[in-house]
Amino acid sequence: MKLLRPFLLLVSIILFGWLFISNINLINVATTLNEAEISSEIEKVNEFTEISRLKEFAIEKINYMETIRNRFAENAMIRVAVISVLIILQILLYATAGNMFSTKTSSSSSHKS
């Protein structure tokens, strides 16, 4: 039991760190770059003269958005699993803390008699 608690704490810290780092990538720090990219895409759309080319372009963008959405969904499932594991680890850490103190007092009192 003495090694279980530090191990659970270490795993918990590593998982919290992974969650923190994986979510940092989702912060939009390059807002001006994204706005320039959007303007560029709008210019491409405005340059189309044939409706068939515009349709192809739109379908490509929709497929790309679907791919991105699927990746976000997969990442969200991983994060939910990690958060669930973290909740279980925190409950175990809390439960073992109470048990450790009660076993210390009961074992020390049994040695005194």
Protein backbone atom coordinates (compact mmCIF):
# COMPACT_ATOMS: atom_id res chain seq x y z
CA MET A 1 0.00 0.00 0.00
CA LYS A 2 2.96 2.27 0.66
CA LEU A 3 4.05 2.16 -3.01
CA LEU A 4 0.55 2.18 -4.50
CA ARG A 5 -0.29 5.73 -3.43
CA PRO A 6 2.85 7.40 -4.91
CA PHE A 7 2.41 5.34 -8.09
CA LEU A 8 -1.22 6.43 -8.47
CA LEU A 9 -0.20 10.02 -7.80
CA LEU A 10 2.54 9.85 -10.46
CA VAL A 11 0.16 8.37 -13.04
CA SER A 12 -2.38 11.04 -12.17
CA ILE A 13 0.14 13.86 -12.62
CA ILE A 14 1.30 12.44 -15.96
CA LEU A 15 -2.30 12.18 -17.22
CA PHE A 16 -3.09 15.73 -16.06
CA GLY A 17 0.05 16.94 -17.87
CA TRP A 18 -0.93 15.12 -21.05
CA LEU A 19 -4.43 16.62 -20.90
CA PHE A 20 -2.99 20.09 -20.38
CA ILE A 21 -0.51 19.80 -23.26
CA SER A 22 -3.03 18.25 -25.65
CA ASN A 23 -5.46 21.10 -25.03
CA ILE A 24 -2.86 23.83 -25.52
CA ASN A 25 -2.80 22.96 -29.23
CA LEU A 26 -6.47 23.93 -29.51
CA ILE A 27 -5.86 27.55 -28.47
CA ASN A 28 -6.08 29.91 -31.44
CA VAL A 29 -2.88 31.93 -30.98
CA ALA A 30 -2.41 32.81 -34.66
CA THR A 31 -5.67 34.66 -35.21
CA THR A 32 -4.26 36.95 -37.91
CA LEU A 33 -2.81 33.97 -39.77
CA ASN A 34 -6.21 32.25 -39.69
CA GLU A 35 -7.94 35.40 -40.91
CA ALA A 36 -5.46 35.64 -43.80
CA GLU A 37 -6.13 32.01 -44.69
CA ILE A 38 -9.88 32.61 -44.65
CA SER A 39 -9.49 35.68 -46.88
CA SER A 40 -7.39 33.63 -49.29
CA GLU A 41 -10.06 30.92 -49.46
CA ILE A 42 -12.75 33.54 -50.13
CA GLU A 43 -10.64 34.96 -52.95
CA LYS A 44 -10.34 31.47 -54.47
CA VAL A 45 -14.13 31.08 -54.38
CA ASN A 46 -14.66 34.50 -55.98
CA GLU A 47 -12.26 33.60 -58.82
CA PHE A 48 -14.31 30.59 -59.96
CA THR A 49 -16.22 31.17 -63.18
CA GLU A 50 -17.46 27.64 -63.77
CA ILE A 51 -20.06 26.29 -61.38
CA SER A 52 -18.70 22.74 -61.73
CA ARG A 53 -15.26 23.81 -60.42
CA LEU A 54 -16.91 25.69 -57.57
CA LYS A 55 -18.87 22.54 -56.69
CA GLU A 56 -15.68 20.44 -56.71
CA PHE A 57 -13.96 22.98 -54.47
CA ALA A 58 -16.92 23.02 -52.05
CA ILE A 59 -17.05 19.22 -51.92
CA GLU A 60 -13.30 19.06 -51.17
CA LYS A 61 -13.76 21.55 -48.31
CA ILE A 62 -16.74 19.63 -46.92
CA ASN A 63 -14.76 16.37 -47.01
CA TYR A 64 -11.85 18.10 -45.27
CA MET A 65 -14.18 19.47 -42.59
CA GLU A 66 -15.62 15.98 -42.06
CA THR A 67 -12.13 14.56 -41.61
CA ILE A 68 -11.27 17.26 -39.07
CA ARG A 69 -14.54 16.68 -37.21
CA ASN A 70 -13.81 12.94 -37.00
CA ARG A 71 -10.34 13.65 -35.60
CA PHE A 72 -11.79 16.00 -32.99
CA ALA A 73 -14.36 13.35 -32.04
CA GLU A 74 -11.62 10.72 -31.62
CA ASN A 75 -9.53 13.11 -29.52
CA ALA A 76 -12.57 13.99 -27.42
CA MET A 77 -13.19 10.29 -26.70
CA ILE A 78 -9.56 9.87 -25.62
CA ARG A 79 -9.85 12.91 -23.34
CA VAL A 80 -13.07 11.59 -21.81
CA ALA A 81 -11.35 8.27 -21.12
CA VAL A 82 -8.35 10.04 -19.55
CA ILE A 83 -10.63 12.19 -17.39
CA SER A 84 -12.52 9.06 -16.30
CA VAL A 85 -9.25 7.36 -15.33
CA LEU A 86 -8.19 10.50 -13.46
CA ILE A 87 -11.46 10.55 -11.51
CA ILE A 88 -10.98 6.90 -10.56
CA LEU A 89 -7.35 7.58 -9.56
CA GLN A 90 -8.37 10.54 -7.43
CA ILE A 91 -11.04 8.44 -5.70
CA LEU A 92 -8.48 5.70 -5.06
CA LEU A 93 -5.97 8.22 -3.73
CA TYR A 94 -8.60 9.68 -1.43
CA ALA A 95 -9.70 6.22 -0.27
CA THR A 96 -6.17 4.96 0.35
CA ALA A 97 -5.28 8.09 2.33
CA GLY A 98 -8.03 7.32 4.84
CA ASN A 99 -7.10 3.65 5.00
CA MET A 100 -3.41 4.41 5.52
CA PHE A 101 -4.10 6.58 8.55
CA SER A 102 -6.53 4.11 10.06
CA THR A 103 -4.14 1.17 9.59
CA LYS A 104 -1.28 3.16 11.14
CA THR A 105 -3.27 3.97 14.24
CA SER A 106 -4.67 0.47 14.58
CA SER A 107 -1.29 -1.18 14.00
CA SER A 108 0.48 1.17 16.42
CA SER A 109 -2.18 0.59 19.07
CA SER A 110 -1.91 -3.19 18.60
CA HIS A 111 1.88 -2.99 19.11
CA LYS A 112 1.41 -1.09 22.37
CA SER A 113 -0.73 -3.80 23.99
